[in-house]
Amino acid sequence: MNRTRIALIAALVGATSTLAFAAEPGSEAARKERMDQAYQDSRNAQPGPAARAESSIKRGAARTGSAVKTGAQKAGRAVGTGVRKTGEVIGRGGEKLQEASTPKP
């Protein structure tokens, strides 16, 4: 009876260790996958609130700079057009004055 119990216990221990050993590679692979994912997450972390605010400020400054540049270009073209038209009007006015000041035969 004792030998039967010892044999039964030995068989149960052997079966348990075999099952544990067989289950270990799968759990090891899952553990390794979780560890790799955690490592990648820590390397490629999402930016925090300060980093997002800094990024937003930089983006806003770039957009503002672009808007100022575009506005300056448009203003420059408008001034150039105004100067050209003013020059044309002054030239026509001068021609009219010259025509008016010449005696008519």
Protein backbone atom coordinates (compact mmCIF):
# COMPACT_ATOMS: atom_id res chain seq x y z
CA MET A 1 0.00 0.00 0.00
CA ASN A 2 2.80 2.41 0.85
CA ARG A 3 4.57 1.57 -2.38
CA THR A 4 1.38 2.20 -4.30
CA ARG A 5 0.94 5.59 -2.67
CA ILE A 6 4.57 6.51 -3.31
CA ALA A 7 4.28 5.40 -6.93
CA LEU A 8 1.04 7.33 -7.33
CA ILE A 9 2.56 10.46 -5.78
CA ALA A 10 5.65 10.11 -7.97
CA ALA A 11 3.46 9.73 -11.05
CA LEU A 12 1.43 12.80 -10.11
CA VAL A 13 4.57 14.86 -9.44
CA GLY A 14 6.05 13.71 -12.74
CA ALA A 15 2.89 14.54 -14.66
CA THR A 16 2.59 17.92 -12.98
CA SER A 17 6.19 18.84 -13.71
CA THR A 18 5.80 17.67 -17.31
CA LEU A 19 2.67 19.80 -17.73
CA ALA A 20 4.37 22.77 -16.11
CA PHE A 21 7.38 22.36 -18.37
CA ALA A 22 5.15 22.03 -21.43
CA ALA A 23 3.16 25.13 -20.47
CA GLU A 24 6.27 27.17 -19.72
CA PRO A 25 7.44 27.86 -23.29
CA GLY A 26 4.08 29.32 -24.26
CA SER A 27 3.90 31.50 -21.19
CA GLU A 28 7.53 32.45 -21.71
CA ALA A 29 6.75 33.53 -25.26
CA ALA A 30 3.75 35.55 -24.08
CA ARG A 31 5.83 37.11 -21.31
CA LYS A 32 8.59 37.95 -23.78
CA GLU A 33 6.05 39.53 -26.12
CA ARG A 34 4.61 41.63 -23.28
CA MET A 35 8.09 42.71 -22.25
CA ASP A 36 8.99 43.66 -25.82
CA GLN A 37 5.76 45.65 -26.17
CA ALA A 38 6.40 47.46 -22.89
CA TYR A 39 9.94 48.26 -24.02
CA GLN A 40 8.69 49.66 -27.35
CA ASP A 41 6.03 51.70 -25.55
CA SER A 42 8.64 53.18 -23.25
CA ARG A 43 10.90 54.05 -26.19
CA ASN A 44 8.08 55.55 -28.28
CA ALA A 45 6.06 57.15 -25.53
CA GLN A 46 3.30 59.56 -26.37
CA PRO A 47 4.25 63.17 -25.65
CA GLY A 48 3.09 64.61 -22.38
CA PRO A 49 1.07 67.79 -21.93
CA ALA A 50 4.15 70.03 -21.89
CA ALA A 51 5.53 68.52 -25.09
CA ARG A 52 2.15 68.84 -26.80
CA ALA A 53 1.88 72.48 -25.69
CA GLU A 54 5.39 73.20 -26.95
CA SER A 55 4.58 71.58 -30.28
CA SER A 56 1.37 73.57 -30.53
CA ILE A 57 3.19 76.82 -29.77
CA LYS A 58 5.84 76.10 -32.38
CA ARG A 59 3.20 75.23 -34.97
CA GLY A 60 1.28 78.43 -34.13
CA ALA A 61 4.43 80.54 -34.40
CA ALA A 62 5.23 79.02 -37.79
CA ARG A 63 1.69 79.70 -39.03
CA THR A 64 1.83 83.27 -37.71
CA GLY A 65 5.18 83.83 -39.40
CA SER A 66 3.80 82.50 -42.66
CA ALA A 67 0.74 84.76 -42.38
CA VAL A 68 2.92 87.82 -41.68
CA LYS A 69 5.14 87.00 -44.66
CA THR A 70 2.14 86.57 -46.96
CA GLY A 71 0.61 89.80 -45.67
CA ALA A 72 3.86 91.69 -46.22
CA GLN A 73 4.09 90.38 -49.78
CA LYS A 74 0.50 91.43 -50.51
CA ALA A 75 1.08 94.85 -48.94
CA GLY A 76 4.26 95.26 -50.98
CA ARG A 77 2.42 94.45 -54.20
CA ALA A 78 -0.39 96.84 -53.26
CA VAL A 79 2.05 99.67 -52.52
CA GLY A 80 3.90 98.98 -55.77
CA THR A 81 0.66 99.05 -57.72
CA GLY A 82 -0.39 102.26 -55.95
CA VAL A 83 2.94 103.94 -56.71
CA ARG A 84 2.75 102.88 -60.36
CA LYS A 85 -0.81 104.15 -60.72
CA THR A 86 0.05 107.38 -58.91
CA GLY A 87 2.99 107.86 -61.26
CA GLU A 88 0.74 107.32 -64.27
CA VAL A 89 -1.81 109.81 -62.94
CA ILE A 90 0.91 112.37 -62.23
CA GLY A 91 2.27 111.85 -65.74
CA ARG A 92 -1.17 112.33 -67.29
CA GLY A 93 -1.73 115.40 -65.13
CA GLY A 94 1.58 116.81 -66.28
CA GLU A 95 0.68 116.15 -69.90
CA LYS A 96 -2.69 117.90 -69.43
CA LEU A 97 -1.00 120.89 -67.81
CA GLN A 98 1.50 121.05 -70.63
CA GLU A 99 -1.28 120.89 -73.22
CA ALA A 100 -3.22 123.56 -71.38
CA SER A 101 -0.21 125.85 -71.13
CA THR A 102 0.69 125.68 -74.82
CA PRO A 103 -0.94 128.39 -76.90
CA LYS A 104 -3.47 127.22 -79.41
CA PRO A 105 -3.02 128.54 -82.93
